[in-house]
N, C-alpha and C. Protein backbone atom coordinates (compact mmCIF):
# COMPACT_ATOMS: atom_id res chain seq x y z
N MET A 1 -78.23 127.09 25.73
CA MET A 1 -78.13 127.18 24.28
C MET A 1 -79.42 127.74 23.73
N SER A 2 -79.30 128.61 22.74
CA SER A 2 -80.49 129.22 22.14
C SER A 2 -81.18 128.22 21.21
N ALA A 3 -82.40 128.56 20.87
CA ALA A 3 -83.19 127.69 19.98
C ALA A 3 -82.52 127.61 18.62
N PRO A 4 -82.66 126.46 17.95
CA PRO A 4 -82.09 126.33 16.61
C PRO A 4 -82.72 127.35 15.65
N SER A 5 -81.96 127.78 14.68
CA SER A 5 -82.49 128.71 13.69
C SER A 5 -83.39 127.95 12.70
N PRO A 6 -84.31 128.66 12.05
CA PRO A 6 -85.12 128.00 11.02
C PRO A 6 -84.25 127.36 9.93
N GLU A 7 -83.13 127.99 9.62
CA GLU A 7 -82.23 127.44 8.62
C GLU A 7 -81.65 126.09 9.06
N ASP A 8 -81.31 125.99 10.36
CA ASP A 8 -80.80 124.73 10.91
C ASP A 8 -81.86 123.63 10.79
N ILE A 9 -83.10 123.96 11.09
CA ILE A 9 -84.19 122.98 11.01
C ILE A 9 -84.41 122.57 9.56
N LEU A 10 -84.39 123.52 8.63
CA LEU A 10 -84.56 123.18 7.21
C LEU A 10 -83.41 122.32 6.72
N THR A 11 -82.20 122.60 7.17
CA THR A 11 -81.05 121.77 6.79
C THR A 11 -81.24 120.35 7.28
N PHE A 12 -81.71 120.19 8.52
CA PHE A 12 -81.99 118.86 9.05
C PHE A 12 -83.03 118.15 8.20
N LEU A 13 -84.12 118.84 7.87
CA LEU A 13 -85.23 118.22 7.12
C LEU A 13 -84.85 117.84 5.70
N THR A 14 -83.80 118.44 5.17
CA THR A 14 -83.38 118.12 3.81
C THR A 14 -82.14 117.21 3.79
N ASP A 15 -81.70 116.78 4.95
CA ASP A 15 -80.55 115.89 5.04
C ASP A 15 -81.04 114.45 5.21
N ASN A 16 -80.89 113.65 4.17
CA ASN A 16 -81.43 112.29 4.16
C ASN A 16 -80.86 111.43 5.29
N THR A 17 -79.57 111.54 5.54
CA THR A 17 -78.95 110.73 6.59
C THR A 17 -79.54 111.06 7.96
N SER A 18 -79.75 112.34 8.24
CA SER A 18 -80.36 112.73 9.52
C SER A 18 -81.77 112.18 9.65
N LEU A 19 -82.53 112.21 8.57
CA LEU A 19 -83.89 111.67 8.61
C LEU A 19 -83.89 110.16 8.82
N ILE A 20 -82.93 109.47 8.23
CA ILE A 20 -82.82 108.01 8.41
C ILE A 20 -82.48 107.70 9.88
N ILE A 21 -81.57 108.49 10.47
CA ILE A 21 -81.23 108.30 11.88
C ILE A 21 -82.48 108.53 12.74
N LEU A 22 -83.23 109.57 12.46
CA LEU A 22 -84.44 109.87 13.22
C LEU A 22 -85.44 108.72 13.13
N LYS A 23 -85.62 108.16 11.94
CA LYS A 23 -86.53 107.02 11.77
C LYS A 23 -86.05 105.82 12.57
N LEU A 24 -84.75 105.56 12.55
CA LEU A 24 -84.19 104.44 13.29
C LEU A 24 -84.46 104.59 14.79
N LEU A 25 -84.38 105.81 15.29
CA LEU A 25 -84.52 106.06 16.72
C LEU A 25 -85.97 106.25 17.18
N ASP A 26 -86.91 106.19 16.26
CA ASP A 26 -88.31 106.39 16.61
C ASP A 26 -88.81 105.23 17.47
N GLY A 27 -89.01 105.50 18.75
CA GLY A 27 -89.50 104.49 19.67
C GLY A 27 -88.45 103.50 20.15
N LYS A 28 -87.18 103.76 19.80
CA LYS A 28 -86.10 102.86 20.19
C LYS A 28 -84.94 103.67 20.76
N GLU A 29 -84.03 102.98 21.42
CA GLU A 29 -82.81 103.59 21.95
C GLU A 29 -81.61 102.88 21.33
N TYR A 30 -80.69 103.66 20.78
CA TYR A 30 -79.46 103.10 20.22
C TYR A 30 -78.28 103.96 20.61
N SER A 31 -77.13 103.33 20.72
CA SER A 31 -75.88 104.08 20.93
C SER A 31 -75.39 104.56 19.56
N THR A 32 -74.44 105.46 19.58
CA THR A 32 -73.87 105.95 18.32
C THR A 32 -73.25 104.80 17.54
N GLN A 33 -72.58 103.88 18.24
CA GLN A 33 -71.99 102.72 17.57
C GLN A 33 -73.06 101.86 16.91
N GLN A 34 -74.19 101.66 17.60
CA GLN A 34 -75.28 100.86 17.04
C GLN A 34 -75.91 101.55 15.84
N ILE A 35 -76.04 102.87 15.89
CA ILE A 35 -76.59 103.62 14.76
C ILE A 35 -75.67 103.44 13.56
N ALA A 36 -74.36 103.62 13.76
CA ALA A 36 -73.38 103.47 12.68
C ALA A 36 -73.46 102.08 12.08
N SER A 37 -73.55 101.08 12.92
CA SER A 37 -73.61 99.69 12.45
C SER A 37 -74.90 99.42 11.67
N ASN A 38 -76.04 99.86 12.22
CA ASN A 38 -77.33 99.64 11.56
C ASN A 38 -77.42 100.32 10.19
N LEU A 39 -76.81 101.48 10.08
CA LEU A 39 -76.90 102.27 8.84
C LEU A 39 -75.66 102.15 7.97
N ASP A 40 -74.72 101.31 8.39
CA ASP A 40 -73.48 101.10 7.63
C ASP A 40 -72.79 102.43 7.34
N MET A 41 -72.63 103.24 8.40
CA MET A 41 -72.00 104.56 8.29
C MET A 41 -70.67 104.56 9.04
N PRO A 42 -69.72 105.38 8.61
CA PRO A 42 -68.49 105.54 9.39
C PRO A 42 -68.82 106.10 10.78
N ILE A 43 -68.14 105.62 11.81
CA ILE A 43 -68.43 106.04 13.18
C ILE A 43 -68.21 107.54 13.37
N SER A 44 -67.19 108.11 12.73
CA SER A 44 -66.91 109.54 12.89
C SER A 44 -68.06 110.39 12.33
N SER A 45 -68.58 110.00 11.18
CA SER A 45 -69.72 110.72 10.58
C SER A 45 -70.95 110.58 11.45
N THR A 46 -71.14 109.40 12.02
CA THR A 46 -72.30 109.15 12.88
C THR A 46 -72.21 110.02 14.13
N TYR A 47 -71.03 110.11 14.74
CA TYR A 47 -70.87 110.97 15.92
C TYR A 47 -71.23 112.42 15.59
N ARG A 48 -70.78 112.92 14.44
CA ARG A 48 -71.09 114.31 14.06
C ARG A 48 -72.59 114.50 13.87
N LYS A 49 -73.25 113.57 13.19
CA LYS A 49 -74.71 113.68 12.96
C LYS A 49 -75.46 113.62 14.28
N VAL A 50 -75.12 112.67 15.13
CA VAL A 50 -75.80 112.51 16.42
C VAL A 50 -75.62 113.77 17.27
N SER A 51 -74.41 114.31 17.29
CA SER A 51 -74.14 115.52 18.05
C SER A 51 -75.00 116.68 17.55
N LYS A 52 -75.06 116.85 16.24
CA LYS A 52 -75.85 117.93 15.66
C LYS A 52 -77.34 117.74 15.95
N LEU A 53 -77.84 116.52 15.82
CA LEU A 53 -79.26 116.26 16.08
C LEU A 53 -79.60 116.50 17.56
N GLU A 54 -78.66 116.19 18.44
CA GLU A 54 -78.89 116.46 19.86
C GLU A 54 -78.90 117.97 20.13
N GLN A 55 -77.99 118.71 19.51
CA GLN A 55 -77.97 120.17 19.65
C GLN A 55 -79.27 120.80 19.17
N LEU A 56 -79.84 120.25 18.10
CA LEU A 56 -81.09 120.78 17.54
C LEU A 56 -82.32 120.33 18.34
N LYS A 57 -82.09 119.48 19.35
CA LYS A 57 -83.17 118.91 20.16
C LYS A 57 -84.11 118.04 19.34
N ILE A 58 -83.53 117.37 18.33
CA ILE A 58 -84.27 116.43 17.48
C ILE A 58 -84.24 115.04 18.12
N ILE A 59 -83.09 114.71 18.72
CA ILE A 59 -82.96 113.46 19.46
C ILE A 59 -82.55 113.81 20.89
N LYS A 60 -82.72 112.84 21.78
CA LYS A 60 -82.44 113.07 23.19
C LYS A 60 -81.63 111.91 23.75
N LYS A 61 -80.64 112.24 24.57
CA LYS A 61 -79.86 111.21 25.26
C LYS A 61 -80.76 110.61 26.34
N THR A 62 -80.90 109.28 26.32
CA THR A 62 -81.79 108.62 27.26
C THR A 62 -81.05 107.98 28.43
N LYS A 63 -79.82 107.55 28.18
CA LYS A 63 -79.05 106.93 29.26
C LYS A 63 -77.59 106.89 28.88
N ILE A 64 -76.76 106.73 29.89
CA ILE A 64 -75.32 106.57 29.71
C ILE A 64 -74.93 105.32 30.48
N ILE A 65 -74.23 104.42 29.81
CA ILE A 65 -73.80 103.17 30.44
C ILE A 65 -72.28 103.16 30.50
N ARG A 66 -71.76 102.85 31.67
CA ARG A 66 -70.30 102.71 31.84
C ARG A 66 -69.92 101.31 31.38
N LYS A 67 -69.03 101.23 30.39
CA LYS A 67 -68.59 99.95 29.86
C LYS A 67 -67.45 99.39 30.71
N MET A 68 -67.14 98.12 30.48
CA MET A 68 -66.10 97.45 31.26
C MET A 68 -64.73 98.12 31.12
N ASP A 69 -64.48 98.77 29.97
CA ASP A 69 -63.18 99.43 29.77
C ASP A 69 -63.13 100.82 30.42
N GLY A 70 -64.22 101.21 31.12
CA GLY A 70 -64.24 102.48 31.82
C GLY A 70 -64.78 103.64 31.01
N THR A 71 -65.09 103.42 29.73
CA THR A 71 -65.64 104.49 28.90
C THR A 71 -67.17 104.49 29.03
N ASP A 72 -67.76 105.62 28.73
CA ASP A 72 -69.21 105.76 28.77
C ASP A 72 -69.79 105.60 27.38
N GLU A 73 -70.96 104.97 27.31
CA GLU A 73 -71.67 104.81 26.04
C GLU A 73 -73.05 105.45 26.21
N SER A 74 -73.34 106.46 25.38
CA SER A 74 -74.62 107.16 25.45
C SER A 74 -75.61 106.53 24.49
N PHE A 75 -76.87 106.51 24.90
CA PHE A 75 -77.96 106.01 24.06
C PHE A 75 -78.93 107.15 23.78
N TYR A 76 -79.50 107.13 22.59
CA TYR A 76 -80.36 108.21 22.11
C TYR A 76 -81.68 107.67 21.61
N THR A 77 -82.69 108.56 21.60
CA THR A 77 -83.98 108.24 21.00
C THR A 77 -84.53 109.49 20.32
N SER A 78 -85.51 109.30 19.46
CA SER A 78 -86.17 110.42 18.80
C SER A 78 -86.89 111.26 19.84
N TRP A 79 -86.85 112.57 19.67
CA TRP A 79 -87.39 113.48 20.66
C TRP A 79 -88.49 114.35 20.09
N ILE A 80 -88.77 114.23 18.78
CA ILE A 80 -89.80 115.08 18.18
C ILE A 80 -90.98 114.26 17.71
N ASP A 81 -92.13 114.87 17.84
CA ASP A 81 -93.37 114.27 17.37
C ASP A 81 -93.80 114.94 16.07
N GLU A 82 -93.53 116.26 15.97
CA GLU A 82 -93.99 117.01 14.81
C GLU A 82 -93.14 118.27 14.65
N ILE A 83 -92.90 118.65 13.38
CA ILE A 83 -92.26 119.93 13.07
C ILE A 83 -93.16 120.65 12.08
N GLN A 84 -93.50 121.89 12.40
CA GLN A 84 -94.28 122.71 11.48
C GLN A 84 -93.40 123.86 11.00
N ILE A 85 -93.33 124.01 9.67
CA ILE A 85 -92.57 125.09 9.05
C ILE A 85 -93.57 126.06 8.43
N THR A 86 -93.37 127.35 8.68
CA THR A 86 -94.26 128.37 8.13
C THR A 86 -93.41 129.42 7.42
N PHE A 87 -93.88 129.81 6.24
CA PHE A 87 -93.28 130.94 5.54
C PHE A 87 -94.37 131.98 5.40
N LYS A 88 -94.20 133.10 6.12
CA LYS A 88 -95.22 134.15 6.14
C LYS A 88 -94.52 135.48 6.29
N ASN A 89 -94.98 136.48 5.52
CA ASN A 89 -94.38 137.82 5.57
C ASN A 89 -92.86 137.77 5.35
N ASN A 90 -92.45 136.93 4.40
CA ASN A 90 -91.05 136.77 4.04
C ASN A 90 -90.18 136.26 5.18
N ARG A 91 -90.78 135.56 6.13
CA ARG A 91 -90.02 134.98 7.24
C ARG A 91 -90.35 133.50 7.36
N ILE A 92 -89.31 132.73 7.65
CA ILE A 92 -89.50 131.31 7.92
C ILE A 92 -89.51 131.12 9.44
N THR A 93 -90.53 130.44 9.92
CA THR A 93 -90.59 130.11 11.34
C THR A 93 -90.90 128.62 11.45
N TYR A 94 -90.66 128.08 12.63
CA TYR A 94 -90.96 126.66 12.84
C TYR A 94 -91.47 126.46 14.25
N LYS A 95 -92.17 125.36 14.43
CA LYS A 95 -92.65 124.96 15.75
C LYS A 95 -92.37 123.47 15.88
N ILE A 96 -91.72 123.08 16.96
CA ILE A 96 -91.42 121.66 17.22
C ILE A 96 -92.28 121.20 18.38
N LYS A 97 -92.97 120.10 18.16
CA LYS A 97 -93.73 119.46 19.24
C LYS A 97 -92.94 118.23 19.67
N ASN A 98 -92.46 118.26 20.91
CA ASN A 98 -91.67 117.13 21.43
C ASN A 98 -92.57 115.99 21.86
N LYS A 99 -91.99 114.80 21.81
CA LYS A 99 -92.71 113.62 22.27
C LYS A 99 -92.84 113.66 23.77
N GLU A 100 -93.87 113.02 24.26
CA GLU A 100 -94.05 112.86 25.70
C GLU A 100 -93.21 111.65 26.12
N HIS A 101 -92.13 111.88 26.82
CA HIS A 101 -91.28 110.79 27.30
C HIS A 101 -91.46 110.66 28.79
N GLN A 102 -91.90 109.50 29.20
CA GLN A 102 -92.02 109.27 30.63
C GLN A 102 -90.66 108.88 31.18
N ASP A 103 -90.41 109.30 32.36
CA ASP A 103 -89.21 108.88 33.07
C ASP A 103 -89.28 107.38 33.30
N LYS A 104 -88.15 106.69 33.13
CA LYS A 104 -88.14 105.24 33.31
C LYS A 104 -88.55 104.83 34.71
N ILE A 105 -88.22 105.62 35.72
CA ILE A 105 -88.63 105.30 37.09
C ILE A 105 -90.15 105.34 37.19
N VAL A 106 -90.76 106.34 36.57
CA VAL A 106 -92.22 106.44 36.58
C VAL A 106 -92.84 105.23 35.90
N ARG A 107 -92.29 104.84 34.74
CA ARG A 107 -92.83 103.67 34.03
C ARG A 107 -92.65 102.40 34.86
N LEU A 108 -91.50 102.28 35.53
CA LEU A 108 -91.26 101.11 36.36
C LEU A 108 -92.26 101.06 37.51
N TRP A 109 -92.47 102.19 38.16
CA TRP A 109 -93.41 102.26 39.27
C TRP A 109 -94.83 101.93 38.80
N GLN A 110 -95.23 102.45 37.65
CA GLN A 110 -96.56 102.16 37.12
C GLN A 110 -96.70 100.67 36.82
N GLY A 111 -95.62 100.04 36.40
CA GLY A 111 -95.64 98.61 36.15
C GLY A 111 -95.91 97.82 37.44
N PHE A 112 -95.32 98.28 38.55
CA PHE A 112 -95.56 97.63 39.83
C PHE A 112 -97.00 97.83 40.29
N LYS A 113 -97.54 99.02 40.05
CA LYS A 113 -98.90 99.32 40.50
C LYS A 113 -99.92 98.43 39.79
N HIS A 114 -99.64 98.07 38.53
CA HIS A 114 -100.59 97.29 37.75
C HIS A 114 -100.50 95.80 38.04
N ASN A 115 -99.49 95.36 38.76
CA ASN A 115 -99.32 93.92 39.07
C ASN A 115 -99.99 93.52 40.35
């Protein structure tokens, strides 16, 4: 998939619901159902927002859990640290700085090393 357009990023930054979802996911992991419940949003709207934010690389899927009924439940977290928007020479450009996410196996191993 190609990089998001500057217009897509500006749309995200001006969409209050998307920003609220991003704040909720900052440093935490939630499923789409948990996001909908926390923000009192319809599940269908939440799925659309989460899908769009994942496409824009604003949030990242962190894990998938198989539930007892055989369906999968995906969990997400915030994936951006900073967004810079520039308007120069009649062009809008942006730069996204992603968060440093350590692999859970690496974090687990480091936990063993410190004990």
